[in-house]
Amino acid sequence: MERNIQVKVVTFDDKAMAQAYATETHLTWPLLLDQKLSLYSAYGMVRGSWWSIYGPKSVWKYLSLMARGQKPGTPGKDWRQLGGDVLIDPNRVVQVHHISEGPHDRPSVDSLLDLVDEQTSASLTR
């Protein structure tokens, strides 16, 4: 299914780290730099506690990734800064606002696309 959406990726790291990330992940979307953390702050994305970064959920996730032959990525300049996902509709209304509670607390792409589809269906029936 084709969706009329725009994706933008935001990072707070410096330009060199951002370019390395884009290259490593074969990123095809625009990558925006927010080194002053303005967007992160505006959307309530904070620095994680030691427990949220190195608690059992994170350790388990890292171990499961390593068991599948993947190695953890290189941490950025502030490895405790948490992210999230924000979906904004064409009228600039925030439809989804997910603040990560730890480094691996991210909705799947499929679940985000399902939310986009639900919003589209809801707006068509209004």
Protein backbone atom coordinates (compact mmCIF):
# COMPACT_ATOMS: atom_id res chain seq x y z
CA MET A 1 0.00 0.00 0.00
CA GLU A 2 1.34 3.40 -0.93
CA ARG A 3 1.01 6.09 1.74
CA ASN A 4 1.31 9.82 1.31
CA ILE A 5 3.76 10.39 4.19
CA GLN A 6 7.07 12.09 4.71
CA VAL A 7 9.66 10.63 7.06
CA LYS A 8 12.36 12.67 8.71
CA VAL A 9 15.00 11.32 11.07
CA VAL A 10 16.30 13.61 13.80
CA THR A 11 19.57 13.15 15.68
CA PHE A 12 21.44 15.27 18.20
CA ASP A 13 24.87 13.93 17.28
CA ASP A 14 27.40 15.92 15.29
CA LYS A 15 27.51 15.91 11.51
CA ALA A 16 30.23 13.24 11.24
CA MET A 17 28.31 10.79 13.49
CA ALA A 18 25.08 11.54 11.62
CA GLN A 19 26.73 10.86 8.26
CA ALA A 20 28.24 7.61 9.57
CA TYR A 21 24.80 6.53 10.81
CA ALA A 22 23.17 7.39 7.48
CA THR A 23 25.82 5.42 5.61
CA GLU A 24 25.74 2.41 7.95
CA THR A 25 21.93 2.14 7.88
CA HIS A 26 21.54 3.06 4.19
CA LEU A 27 19.20 5.83 5.28
CA THR A 28 17.07 7.19 2.43
CA TRP A 29 15.14 9.81 4.40
CA PRO A 30 16.28 13.31 5.31
CA LEU A 31 18.43 13.37 8.43
CA LEU A 32 18.05 16.50 10.52
CA LEU A 33 20.51 17.64 13.20
CA ASP A 34 19.17 18.92 16.51
CA GLN A 35 22.40 19.42 18.44
CA LYS A 36 20.77 21.78 20.93
CA LEU A 37 18.09 19.14 21.65
CA SER A 38 15.31 21.66 20.94
CA LEU A 39 12.94 19.09 19.38
CA TYR A 40 13.85 16.43 21.92
CA SER A 41 13.03 18.85 24.73
CA ALA A 42 9.85 20.13 23.08
CA TYR A 43 8.52 16.57 22.81
CA GLY A 44 9.58 15.57 26.34
CA MET A 45 12.40 13.24 25.34
CA VAL A 46 14.80 13.17 28.26
CA ARG A 47 18.05 11.53 29.31
CA GLY A 48 17.55 8.01 30.57
CA SER A 49 18.53 6.85 34.02
CA TRP A 50 21.27 4.29 34.44
CA TRP A 51 18.55 1.70 35.11
CA SER A 52 16.68 2.51 31.89
CA ILE A 53 19.90 2.27 29.87
CA TYR A 54 21.49 -0.77 31.55
CA GLY A 55 18.50 -2.46 33.18
CA PRO A 56 17.42 -6.05 32.46
CA LYS A 57 15.40 -5.15 29.34
CA SER A 58 18.36 -3.44 27.69
CA VAL A 59 20.87 -6.10 28.71
CA TRP A 60 18.55 -8.82 27.36
CA LYS A 61 18.08 -6.93 24.07
CA TYR A 62 21.84 -6.42 23.63
CA LEU A 63 22.54 -10.09 24.42
CA SER A 64 19.86 -11.28 21.97
CA LEU A 65 21.29 -9.04 19.24
CA MET A 66 24.81 -10.35 19.88
CA ALA A 67 23.52 -13.94 19.83
CA ARG A 68 22.24 -13.24 16.30
CA GLY A 69 25.67 -11.95 15.25
CA GLN A 70 24.90 -8.25 15.53
CA LYS A 71 27.09 -5.97 17.54
CA PRO A 72 25.83 -2.95 19.44
CA GLY A 73 26.31 0.31 17.58
CA THR A 74 28.79 2.96 18.60
CA PRO A 75 27.18 5.24 21.17
CA GLY A 76 26.75 8.86 20.26
CA LYS A 77 27.96 11.85 22.20
CA ASP A 78 25.20 11.46 24.83
CA TRP A 79 24.41 7.77 25.10
CA ARG A 80 21.79 8.45 27.79
CA GLN A 81 19.62 10.71 25.62
CA LEU A 82 16.42 8.88 24.79
CA GLY A 83 14.40 9.38 21.65
CA GLY A 84 10.92 8.60 20.49
CA ASP A 85 8.52 8.75 17.60
CA VAL A 86 6.24 11.62 16.65
CA LEU A 87 3.68 11.46 13.85
CA ILE A 88 2.34 14.82 12.71
CA ASP A 89 -0.53 15.05 10.24
CA PRO A 90 -0.64 17.47 7.28
CA ASN A 91 -2.55 19.96 9.47
CA ARG A 92 0.42 19.94 11.87
CA VAL A 93 -1.52 18.09 14.56
CA VAL A 94 0.45 15.52 16.55
CA GLN A 95 -1.33 12.19 16.09
CA VAL A 96 1.20 9.90 17.79
CA HIS A 97 3.67 10.87 20.51
CA HIS A 98 5.79 8.03 21.86
CA ILE A 99 8.60 8.82 24.29
CA SER A 100 11.06 5.95 24.67
CA GLU A 101 11.60 4.65 28.20
CA GLY A 102 14.89 2.98 27.23
CA PRO A 103 17.16 2.53 24.22
CA HIS A 104 15.10 -0.37 22.84
CA ASP A 105 11.63 0.99 23.54
CA ARG A 106 10.57 1.80 20.00
CA PRO A 107 7.36 0.95 18.17
CA SER A 108 7.88 -1.24 15.14
CA VAL A 109 7.65 0.30 11.69
CA ASP A 110 4.60 -1.88 11.03
CA SER A 111 2.81 -0.58 14.14
CA LEU A 112 3.57 3.02 13.14
CA LEU A 113 2.26 2.37 9.62
CA ASP A 114 -0.87 0.80 11.13
CA LEU A 115 -1.40 4.02 13.08
CA VAL A 116 -0.98 6.06 9.89
CA ASP A 117 -3.56 3.84 8.17
CA GLU A 118 -5.98 4.22 11.11
CA GLN A 119 -5.61 8.01 11.03
CA THR A 120 -6.16 8.05 7.26
CA SER A 121 -9.28 5.87 7.57
CA ALA A 122 -10.63 8.02 10.39
CA SER A 123 -10.15 11.24 8.42
CA LEU A 124 -11.88 9.74 5.35
CA THR A 125 -14.97 8.80 7.37
CA ARG A 126 -15.39 12.25 8.90
